PDB file of N, CA and C in Angstrom:
ATOM      1  N   MET A   1      -4.733 -10.577  13.535  1.00  0.00           N
ATOM      2  CA  MET A   1      -3.769 -11.429  14.181  1.00  0.00           C
ATOM      3  C   MET A   1      -4.511 -12.599  14.828  1.00  0.00           C
ATOM      4  N   THR A   2      -3.969 -13.781  14.661  1.00  0.00           N
ATOM      5  CA  THR A   2      -4.529 -14.954  15.320  1.00  0.00           C
ATOM      6  C   THR A   2      -4.307 -14.831  16.821  1.00  0.00           C
ATOM      7  N   THR A   3      -5.243 -15.337  17.588  1.00  0.00           N
ATOM      8  CA  THR A   3      -5.083 -15.267  19.038  1.00  0.00           C
ATOM      9  C   THR A   3      -4.272 -16.456  19.527  1.00  0.00           C
ATOM     10  N   HIS A   4      -3.135 -16.152  20.111  1.00  0.00           N
ATOM     11  CA  HIS A   4      -2.252 -17.157  20.698  1.00  0.00           C
ATOM     12  C   HIS A   4      -2.024 -16.802  22.159  1.00  0.00           C
ATOM     13  N   ASP A   5      -1.456 -17.730  22.899  1.00  0.00           N
ATOM     14  CA  ASP A   5      -1.236 -17.536  24.328  1.00  0.00           C
ATOM     15  C   ASP A   5      -0.030 -16.663  24.673  1.00  0.00           C
ATOM     16  N   HIS A   6       0.922 -16.562  23.782  1.00  0.00           N
ATOM     17  CA  HIS A   6       2.172 -15.865  24.082  1.00  0.00           C
ATOM     18  C   HIS A   6       2.289 -14.623  23.197  1.00  0.00           C
ATOM     19  N   HIS A   7       2.527 -13.473  23.857  1.00  0.00           N
ATOM     20  CA  HIS A   7       2.535 -12.185  23.166  1.00  0.00           C
ATOM     21  C   HIS A   7       3.799 -11.405  23.522  1.00  0.00           C
ATOM     22  N   LEU A   8       4.241 -10.589  22.572  1.00  0.00           N
ATOM     23  CA  LEU A   8       5.354  -9.686  22.823  1.00  0.00           C
ATOM     24  C   LEU A   8       5.205  -8.493  21.895  1.00  0.00           C
ATOM     25  N   THR A   9       5.435  -7.294  22.429  1.00  0.00           N
ATOM     26  CA  THR A   9       5.448  -6.081  21.611  1.00  0.00           C
ATOM     27  C   THR A   9       6.783  -5.387  21.829  1.00  0.00           C
ATOM     28  N   LEU A  10       7.451  -5.054  20.729  1.00  0.00           N
ATOM     29  CA  LEU A  10       8.701  -4.309  20.783  1.00  0.00           C
ATOM     30  C   LEU A  10       8.484  -2.944  20.147  1.00  0.00           C
ATOM     31  N   THR A  11       9.022  -1.903  20.763  1.00  0.00           N
ATOM     32  CA  THR A  11       9.009  -0.570  20.167  1.00  0.00           C
ATOM     33  C   THR A  11      10.454  -0.170  19.932  1.00  0.00           C
ATOM     34  N   ILE A  12      10.771   0.086  18.679  1.00  0.00           N
ATOM     35  CA  ILE A  12      12.147   0.375  18.296  1.00  0.00           C
ATOM     36  C   ILE A  12      12.220   1.800  17.771  1.00  0.00           C
ATOM     37  N   PRO A  13      12.870   2.716  18.502  1.00  0.00           N
ATOM     38  CA  PRO A  13      12.967   4.107  18.048  1.00  0.00           C
ATOM     39  C   PRO A  13      14.074   4.270  17.007  1.00  0.00           C
ATOM     40  N   PHE A  14      13.816   5.128  16.054  1.00  0.00           N
ATOM     41  CA  PHE A  14      14.809   5.489  15.053  1.00  0.00           C
ATOM     42  C   PHE A  14      15.048   6.989  15.124  1.00  0.00           C
ATOM     43  N   SER A  15      16.153   7.436  14.564  1.00  0.00           N
ATOM     44  CA  SER A  15      16.493   8.861  14.609  1.00  0.00           C
ATOM     45  C   SER A  15      15.559   9.699  13.754  1.00  0.00           C
ATOM     46  N   THR A  16      15.096   9.112  12.652  1.00  0.00           N
ATOM     47  CA  THR A  16      14.228   9.863  11.746  1.00  0.00           C
ATOM     48  C   THR A  16      13.044   8.996  11.320  1.00  0.00           C
ATOM     49  N   PRO A  17      11.974   9.630  10.887  1.00  0.00           N
ATOM     50  CA  PRO A  17      10.842   8.866  10.352  1.00  0.00           C
ATOM     51  C   PRO A  17      11.239   8.041   9.127  1.00  0.00           C
ATOM     52  N   ARG A  18      12.126   8.575   8.312  1.00  0.00           N
ATOM     53  CA  ARG A  18      12.563   7.861   7.102  1.00  0.00           C
ATOM     54  C   ARG A  18      13.261   6.553   7.466  1.00  0.00           C
ATOM     55  N   GLN A  19      14.096   6.559   8.498  1.00  0.00           N
ATOM     56  CA  GLN A  19      14.772   5.337   8.925  1.00  0.00           C
ATOM     57  C   GLN A  19      13.758   4.303   9.400  1.00  0.00           C
ATOM     58  N   ALA A  20      12.763   4.729  10.161  1.00  0.00           N
ATOM     59  CA  ALA A  20      11.727   3.799  10.629  1.00  0.00           C
ATOM     60  C   ALA A  20      10.967   3.209   9.441  1.00  0.00           C
ATOM     61  N   GLN A  21      10.675   4.037   8.444  1.00  0.00           N
ATOM     62  CA  GLN A  21       9.947   3.548   7.272  1.00  0.00           C
ATOM     63  C   GLN A  21      10.805   2.594   6.446  1.00  0.00           C
ATOM     64  N   ILE A  22      12.090   2.862   6.340  1.00  0.00           N
ATOM     65  CA  ILE A  22      13.004   1.957   5.625  1.00  0.00           C
ATOM     66  C   ILE A  22      13.034   0.600   6.321  1.00  0.00           C
ATOM     67  N   ALA A  23      13.144   0.595   7.639  1.00  0.00           N
ATOM     68  CA  ALA A  23      13.146  -0.671   8.383  1.00  0.00           C
ATOM     69  C   ALA A  23      11.835  -1.414   8.165  1.00  0.00           C
ATOM     70  N   TYR A  24      10.727  -0.710   8.250  1.00  0.00           N
ATOM     71  CA  TYR A  24       9.414  -1.321   8.025  1.00  0.00           C
ATOM     72  C   TYR A  24       9.348  -1.939   6.627  1.00  0.00           C
ATOM     73  N   ASN A  25       9.747  -1.165   5.616  1.00  0.00           N
ATOM     74  CA  ASN A  25       9.682  -1.650   4.233  1.00  0.00           C
ATOM     75  C   ASN A  25      10.606  -2.836   3.991  1.00  0.00           C
ATOM     76  N   ALA A  26      11.743  -2.845   4.651  1.00  0.00           N
ATOM     77  CA  ALA A  26      12.704  -3.927   4.450  1.00  0.00           C
ATOM     78  C   ALA A  26      12.265  -5.228   5.113  1.00  0.00           C
ATOM     79  N   ILE A  27      11.600  -5.133   6.248  1.00  0.00           N
ATOM     80  CA  ILE A  27      11.258  -6.327   7.026  1.00  0.00           C
ATOM     81  C   ILE A  27       9.849  -6.838   6.732  1.00  0.00           C
ATOM     82  N   SER A  28       8.905  -5.958   6.486  1.00  0.00           N
ATOM     83  CA  SER A  28       7.503  -6.374   6.370  1.00  0.00           C
ATOM     84  C   SER A  28       7.173  -7.286   5.186  1.00  0.00           C
ATOM     85  N   PRO A  29       7.908  -7.246   4.071  1.00  0.00           N
ATOM     86  CA  PRO A  29       7.530  -8.143   2.964  1.00  0.00           C
ATOM     87  C   PRO A  29       7.722  -9.631   3.243  1.00  0.00           C
ATOM     88  N   ASP A  30       8.511  -9.982   4.251  1.00  0.00           N
ATOM     89  CA  ASP A  30       8.753 -11.394   4.539  1.00  0.00           C
ATOM     90  C   ASP A  30       7.459 -12.069   4.990  1.00  0.00           C
ATOM     91  N   PRO A  31       7.018 -13.094   4.266  1.00  0.00           N
ATOM     92  CA  PRO A  31       5.780 -13.784   4.659  1.00  0.00           C
ATOM     93  C   PRO A  31       6.008 -14.677   5.883  1.00  0.00           C
ATOM     94  N   GLN A  32       4.956 -14.864   6.654  1.00  0.00           N
ATOM     95  CA  GLN A  32       5.021 -15.760   7.800  1.00  0.00           C
ATOM     96  C   GLN A  32       4.936 -17.194   7.294  1.00  0.00           C
ATOM     97  N   LEU A  33       5.872 -18.034   7.726  1.00  0.00           N
ATOM     98  CA  LEU A  33       5.898 -19.412   7.245  1.00  0.00           C
ATOM     99  C   LEU A  33       4.795 -20.272   7.856  1.00  0.00           C
ATOM    100  N   LYS A  34       4.480 -20.041   9.110  1.00  0.00           N
ATOM    101  CA  LYS A  34       3.444 -20.825   9.783  1.00  0.00           C
ATOM    102  C   LYS A  34       2.527 -19.869  10.553  1.00  0.00           C
ATOM    103  N   PRO A  35       1.632 -19.156   9.847  1.00  0.00           N
ATOM    104  CA  PRO A  35       0.788 -18.166  10.527  1.00  0.00           C
ATOM    105  C   PRO A  35      -0.142 -18.769  11.577  1.00  0.00           C
ATOM    106  N   ASP A  36      -0.376 -20.076  11.511  1.00  0.00           N
ATOM    107  CA  ASP A  36      -1.205 -20.715  12.537  1.00  0.00           C
ATOM    108  C   ASP A  36      -0.441 -20.869  13.855  1.00  0.00           C
ATOM    109  N   GLN A  37       0.904 -20.735  13.815  1.00  0.00           N
ATOM    110  CA  GLN A  37       1.723 -20.877  15.015  1.00  0.00           C
ATOM    111  C   GLN A  37       2.346 -19.560  15.474  1.00  0.00           C
ATOM    112  N   PHE A  38       2.576 -18.637  14.522  1.00  0.00           N
ATOM    113  CA  PHE A  38       3.286 -17.397  14.834  1.00  0.00           C
ATOM    114  C   PHE A  38       2.808 -16.289  13.908  1.00  0.00           C
ATOM    115  N   THR A  39       2.492 -15.144  14.500  1.00  0.00           N
ATOM    116  CA  THR A  39       2.126 -13.986  13.686  1.00  0.00           C
ATOM    117  C   THR A  39       2.944 -12.782  14.124  1.00  0.00           C
ATOM    118  N   GLN A  40       3.210 -11.924  13.148  1.00  0.00           N
ATOM    119  CA  GLN A  40       4.000 -10.711  13.369  1.00  0.00           C
ATOM    120  C   GLN A  40       3.298  -9.586  12.633  1.00  0.00           C
ATOM    121  N   VAL A  41       3.067  -8.480  13.325  1.00  0.00           N
ATOM    122  CA  VAL A  41       2.453  -7.305  12.708  1.00  0.00           C
ATOM    123  C   VAL A  41       3.363  -6.116  12.978  1.00  0.00           C
ATOM    124  N   LEU A  42       3.769  -5.426  11.915  1.00  0.00           N
ATOM    125  CA  LEU A  42       4.640  -4.266  12.037  1.00  0.00           C
ATOM    126  C   LEU A  42       3.858  -3.005  11.722  1.00  0.00           C
ATOM    127  N   SER A  43       4.237  -1.917  12.386  1.00  0.00           N
ATOM    128  CA  SER A  43       3.669  -0.611  12.072  1.00  0.00           C
ATOM    129  C   SER A  43       4.688   0.451  12.445  1.00  0.00           C
ATOM    130  N   VAL A  44       4.462   1.652  11.916  1.00  0.00           N
ATOM    131  CA  VAL A  44       5.300   2.794  12.242  1.00  0.00           C
ATOM    132  C   VAL A  44       4.403   3.805  12.939  1.00  0.00           C
ATOM    133  N   SER A  45       4.882   4.348  14.055  1.00  0.00           N
ATOM    134  CA  SER A  45       4.081   5.261  14.858  1.00  0.00           C
ATOM    135  C   SER A  45       4.894   6.488  15.208  1.00  0.00           C
ATOM    136  N   LYS A  46       4.180   7.532  15.631  1.00  0.00           N
ATOM    137  CA  LYS A  46       4.885   8.724  16.091  1.00  0.00           C
ATOM    138  C   LYS A  46       5.543   8.430  17.443  1.00  0.00           C
ATOM    139  N   ALA A  47       6.442   9.271  17.833  1.00  0.00           N
ATOM    140  CA  ALA A  47       7.157   9.084  19.090  1.00  0.00           C
ATOM    141  C   ALA A  47       6.179   9.112  20.252  1.00  0.00           C
ATOM    142  N   ILE A  48       6.419   8.295  21.236  1.00  0.00           N
ATOM    143  CA  ILE A  48       5.577   8.210  22.423  1.00  0.00           C
ATOM    144  C   ILE A  48       5.600   9.547  23.156  1.00  0.00           C
ATOM    145  N   GLY A  49       4.422  10.007  23.534  1.00  0.00           N
ATOM    146  CA  GLY A  49       4.322  11.267  24.245  1.00  0.00           C
ATOM    147  C   GLY A  49       4.161  12.470  23.334  1.00  0.00           C
ATOM    148  N   SER A  50       4.192  12.240  22.036  1.00  0.00           N
ATOM    149  CA  SER A  50       4.032  13.343  21.100  1.00  0.00           C
ATOM    150  C   SER A  50       2.556  13.663  20.930  1.00  0.00           C
ATOM    151  N   CYS A  51       2.222  14.930  20.964  1.00  0.00           N
ATOM    152  CA  CYS A  51       0.823  15.312  20.787  1.00  0.00           C
ATOM    153  C   CYS A  51       0.597  15.932  19.417  1.00  0.00           C
ATOM    154  N   ASP A  52       1.642  16.215  18.677  1.00  0.00           N
ATOM    155  CA  ASP A  52       1.493  16.856  17.373  1.00  0.00           C
ATOM    156  C   ASP A  52       2.223  16.045  16.318  1.00  0.00           C
ATOM    157  N   GLU A  53       1.465  15.326  15.507  1.00  0.00           N
ATOM    158  CA  GLU A  53       2.043  14.460  14.469  1.00  0.00           C
ATOM    159  C   GLU A  53       2.902  15.248  13.487  1.00  0.00           C
ATOM    160  N   SER A  54       2.557  16.486  13.168  1.00  0.00           N
ATOM    161  CA  SER A  54       3.312  17.256  12.182  1.00  0.00           C
ATOM    162  C   SER A  54       4.700  17.626  12.693  1.00  0.00           C
ATOM    163  N   ASN A  55       4.846  17.802  14.008  1.00  0.00           N
ATOM    164  CA  ASN A  55       6.155  18.133  14.576  1.00  0.00           C
ATOM    165  C   ASN A  55       6.956  16.894  14.956  1.00  0.00           C
ATOM    166  N   ASN A  56       6.300  15.756  15.050  1.00  0.00           N
ATOM    167  CA  ASN A  56       6.977  14.537  15.478  1.00  0.00           C
ATOM    168  C   ASN A  56       6.391  13.348  14.713  1.00  0.00           C
ATOM    169  N   PRO A  57       6.638  13.292  13.409  1.00  0.00           N
ATOM    170  CA  PRO A  57       6.055  12.212  12.617  1.00  0.00           C
ATOM    171  C   PRO A  57       6.629  10.858  13.006  1.00  0.00           C
ATOM    172  N   GLY A  58       6.043   9.781  12.466  1.00  0.00           N
ATOM    173  CA  GLY A  58       6.405   8.425  12.847  1.00  0.00           C
ATOM    174  C   GLY A  58       7.883   8.129  12.767  1.00  0.00           C
ATOM    175  N   ARG A  59       8.458   7.752  13.874  1.00  0.00           N
ATOM    176  CA  ARG A  59       9.858   7.319  13.894  1.00  0.00           C
ATOM    177  C   ARG A  59      10.036   6.114  14.789  1.00  0.00           C
ATOM    178  N   ILE A  60       8.948   5.490  15.197  1.00  0.00           N
ATOM    179  CA  ILE A  60       8.984   4.310  16.055  1.00  0.00           C
ATOM    180  C   ILE A  60       8.476   3.115  15.256  1.00  0.00           C
ATOM    181  N   LEU A  61       9.275   2.085  15.168  1.00  0.00           N
ATOM    182  CA  LEU A  61       8.832   0.831  14.559  1.00  0.00           C
ATOM    183  C   LEU A  61       8.243  -0.022  15.678  1.00  0.00           C
ATOM    184  N   ILE A  62       7.004  -0.441  15.492  1.00  0.00           N
ATOM    185  CA  ILE A  62       6.328  -1.276  16.484  1.00  0.00           C
ATOM    186  C   ILE A  62       6.163  -2.667  15.899  1.00  0.00           C
ATOM    187  N   ALA A  63       6.633  -3.659  16.616  1.00  0.00           N
ATOM    188  CA  ALA A  63       6.527  -5.056  16.184  1.00  0.00           C
ATOM    189  C   ALA A  63       5.734  -5.819  17.233  1.00  0.00           C
ATOM    190  N   LYS A  64       4.602  -6.379  16.811  1.00  0.00           N
ATOM    191  CA  LYS A  64       3.762  -7.169  17.714  1.00  0.00           C
ATOM    192  C   LYS A  64       3.817  -8.624  17.268  1.00  0.00           C
ATOM    193  N   PHE A  65       4.055  -9.492  18.228  1.00  0.00           N
ATOM    194  CA  PHE A  65       4.193 -10.911  17.952  1.00  0.00           C
ATOM    195  C   PHE A  65       3.209 -11.701  18.794  1.00  0.00           C
ATOM    196  N   GLU A  66       2.703 -12.788  18.230  1.00  0.00           N
ATOM    197  CA  GLU A  66       1.901 -13.765  18.962  1.00  0.00           C
ATOM    198  C   GLU A  66       2.350 -15.143  18.513  1.00  0.00           C
ATOM    199  N   ALA A  67       2.386 -16.087  19.460  1.00  0.00           N
ATOM    200  CA  ALA A  67       2.814 -17.443  19.122  1.00  0.00           C
ATOM    201  C   ALA A  67       2.084 -18.443  19.995  1.00  0.00           C
ATOM    202  N   GLU A  68       2.058 -19.663  19.501  1.00  0.00           N
ATOM    203  CA  GLU A  68       1.371 -20.723  20.235  1.00  0.00           C
ATOM    204  C   GLU A  68       2.192 -21.258  21.403  1.00  0.00           C
ATOM    205  N   SER A  69       3.511 -21.034  21.383  1.00  0.00           N
ATOM    206  CA  SER A  69       4.364 -21.510  22.479  1.00  0.00           C
ATOM    207  C   SER A  69       5.513 -20.532  22.689  1.00  0.00           C
ATOM    208  N   GLU A  70       6.140 -20.641  23.839  1.00  0.00           N
ATOM    209  CA  GLU A  70       7.290 -19.792  24.136  1.00  0.00           C
ATOM    210  C   GLU A  70       8.424 -20.032  23.148  1.00  0.00           C
ATOM    211  N   ARG A  71       8.640 -21.269  22.797  1.00  0.00           N
ATOM    212  CA  ARG A  71       9.720 -21.610  21.876  1.00  0.00           C
ATOM    213  C   ARG A  71       9.480 -20.983  20.503  1.00  0.00           C
ATOM    214  N   VAL A  72       8.271 -21.101  19.983  1.00  0.00           N
ATOM    215  CA  VAL A  72       7.944 -20.523  18.674  1.00  0.00           C
ATOM    216  C   VAL A  72       8.089 -19.003  18.730  1.00  0.00           C
ATOM    217  N   LEU A  73       7.672 -18.388  19.833  1.00  0.00           N
ATOM    218  CA  LEU A  73       7.822 -16.942  19.992  1.00  0.00           C
ATOM    219  C   LEU A  73       9.298 -16.550  19.975  1.00  0.00           C
ATOM    220  N   ARG A  74      10.106 -17.285  20.723  1.00  0.00           N
ATOM    221  CA  ARG A  74      11.549 -16.986  20.776  1.00  0.00           C
ATOM    222  C   ARG A  74      12.193 -17.099  19.409  1.00  0.00           C
ATOM    223  N   VAL A  75      11.895 -18.164  18.692  1.00  0.00           N
ATOM    224  CA  VAL A  75      12.497 -18.366  17.365  1.00  0.00           C
ATOM    225  C   VAL A  75      12.039 -17.273  16.395  1.00  0.00           C
ATOM    226  N   GLY A  76      10.753 -16.941  16.423  1.00  0.00           N
ATOM    227  CA  GLY A  76      10.237 -15.907  15.532  1.00  0.00           C
ATOM    228  C   GLY A  76      10.804 -14.534  15.820  1.00  0.00           C
ATOM    229  N   VAL A  77      10.886 -14.186  17.098  1.00  0.00           N
ATOM    230  CA  VAL A  77      11.428 -12.885  17.479  1.00  0.00           C
ATOM    231  C   VAL A  77      12.915 -12.826  17.164  1.00  0.00           C
ATOM    232  N   ASN A  78      13.643 -13.907  17.387  1.00  0.00           N
ATOM    233  CA  ASN A  78      15.068 -13.932  17.033  1.00  0.00           C
ATOM    234  C   ASN A  78      15.270 -13.669  15.540  1.00  0.00           C
ATOM    235  N   GLY A  79      14.432 -14.271  14.709  1.00  0.00           N
ATOM    236  CA  GLY A  79      14.515 -14.030  13.272  1.00  0.00           C
ATOM    237  C   GLY A  79      14.266 -12.570  12.931  1.00  0.00           C
ATOM    238  N   PHE A  80      13.261 -11.979  13.570  1.00  0.00           N
ATOM    239  CA  PHE A  80      12.967 -10.564  13.369  1.00  0.00           C
ATOM    240  C   PHE A  80      14.159  -9.706  13.784  1.00  0.00           C
ATOM    241  N   LEU A  81      14.731  -9.990  14.957  1.00  0.00           N
ATOM    242  CA  LEU A  81      15.851  -9.196  15.451  1.00  0.00           C
ATOM    243  C   LEU A  81      17.085  -9.321  14.555  1.00  0.00           C
ATOM    244  N   GLU A  82      17.302 -10.487  13.983  1.00  0.00           N
ATOM    245  CA  GLU A  82      18.408 -10.640  13.032  1.00  0.00           C
ATOM    246  C   GLU A  82      18.189  -9.754  11.818  1.00  0.00           C
ATOM    247  N   SER A  83      16.975  -9.757  11.283  1.00  0.00           N
ATOM    248  CA  SER A  83      16.658  -8.905  10.128  1.00  0.00           C
ATOM    249  C   SER A  83      16.796  -7.431  10.487  1.00  0.00           C
ATOM    250  N   LEU A  84      16.298  -7.069  11.654  1.00  0.00           N
ATOM    251  CA  LEU A  84      16.395  -5.683  12.102  1.00  0.00           C
ATOM    252  C   LEU A  84      17.861  -5.266  12.252  1.00  0.00           C
ATOM    253  N   GLY A  85      18.688  -6.158  12.776  1.00  0.00           N
ATOM    254  CA  GLY A  85      20.109  -5.866  12.926  1.00  0.00           C
ATOM    255  C   GLY A  85      20.780  -5.582  11.597  1.00  0.00           C
ATOM    256  N   VAL A  86      20.406  -6.324  10.572  1.00  0.00           N
ATOM    257  CA  VAL A  86      20.966  -6.092   9.232  1.00  0.00           C
ATOM    258  C   VAL A  86      20.539  -4.717   8.723  1.00  0.00           C
ATOM    259  N   VAL A  87      19.270  -4.387   8.888  1.00  0.00           N
ATOM    260  CA  VAL A  87      18.760  -3.085   8.426  1.00  0.00           C
ATOM    261  C   VAL A  87      19.456  -1.943   9.169  1.00  0.00           C
ATOM    262  N   VAL A  88      19.541  -2.043  10.486  1.00  0.00           N
ATOM    263  CA  VAL A  88      20.181  -0.991  11.279  1.00  0.00           C
ATOM    264  C   VAL A  88      21.659  -0.870  10.904  1.00  0.00           C
ATOM    265  N   GLY A  89      22.318  -1.996  10.686  1.00  0.00           N
ATOM    266  CA  GLY A  89      23.718  -1.966  10.260  1.00  0.00           C
ATOM    267  C   GLY A  89      23.891  -1.273   8.925  1.00  0.00           C
ATOM    268  N   CYS A  90      22.996  -1.535   7.999  1.00  0.00           N
ATOM    269  CA  CYS A  90      23.058  -0.869   6.690  1.00  0.00           C
ATOM    270  C   CYS A  90      22.822   0.629   6.827  1.00  0.00           C
ATOM    271  N   LEU A  91      21.834   1.010   7.635  1.00  0.00           N
ATOM    272  CA  LEU A  91      21.583   2.436   7.847  1.00  0.00           C
ATOM    273  C   LEU A  91      22.809   3.117   8.440  1.00  0.00           C
ATOM    274  N   LYS A  92      23.447   2.449   9.384  1.00  0.00           N
ATOM    275  CA  LYS A  92      24.643   3.014  10.018  1.00  0.00           C
ATOM    276  C   LYS A  92      25.799   3.089   9.023  1.00  0.00           C
ATOM    277  N   ASP A  93      26.036   1.993   8.294  1.00  0.00           N
ATOM    278  CA  ASP A  93      27.140   1.965   7.332  1.00  0.00           C
ATOM    279  C   ASP A  93      26.962   3.002   6.231  1.00  0.00           C
ATOM    280  N   LEU A  94      25.718   3.224   5.842  1.00  0.00           N
ATOM    281  CA  LEU A  94      25.438   4.203   4.787  1.00  0.00           C
ATOM    282  C   LEU A  94      25.289   5.610   5.347  1.00  0.00           C
ATOM    283  N   ASP A  95      25.361   5.718   6.676  1.00  0.00           N
ATOM    284  CA  ASP A  95      25.202   6.996   7.362  1.00  0.00           C
ATOM    285  C   ASP A  95      23.955   7.702   6.868  1.00  0.00           C
ATOM    286  N   TYR A  96      22.860   6.962   6.880  1.00  0.00           N
ATOM    287  CA  TYR A  96      21.601   7.442   6.332  1.00  0.00           C
ATOM    288  C   TYR A  96      20.844   8.239   7.393  1.00  0.00           C
ATOM    289  N   HIS A  97      20.870   9.572   7.277  1.00  0.00           N
ATOM    290  CA  HIS A  97      20.218  10.437   8.259  1.00  0.00           C
ATOM    291  C   HIS A  97      19.146  11.315   7.653  1.00  0.00           C
ATOM    292  N   SER A  98      18.913  11.226   6.368  1.00  0.00           N
ATOM    293  CA  SER A  98      17.942  12.142   5.768  1.00  0.00           C
ATOM    294  C   SER A  98      16.544  11.817   6.194  1.00  0.00           C
ATOM    295  N   SER A  99      15.695  12.824   6.260  1.00  0.00           N
ATOM    296  CA  SER A  99      14.293  12.636   6.627  1.00  0.00           C
ATOM    297  C   SER A  99      13.475  12.756   5.409  1.00  0.00           C
TER     298      SER A  99
END
């Protein structure tokens, strides 16, 4: 990740690891248009406070953002949240609960 002055990390919990992985797969392919101004790194992690990965596999989507200005950060994060909203809406509409 490029070092910028403005940072934000979001942790988004999902009901199942599969839902978190679907969100990651749906959002992560989008390339950054101006990586010199804004960077986004996504990952999937186990639930916070879990000590046993086998009993609590990854169900948290972690999104880390860096930007050169507050405005660029806001615009980039808004775009991410719009994409995330579409994914979550699809998961809900499809009633996708399988792990």
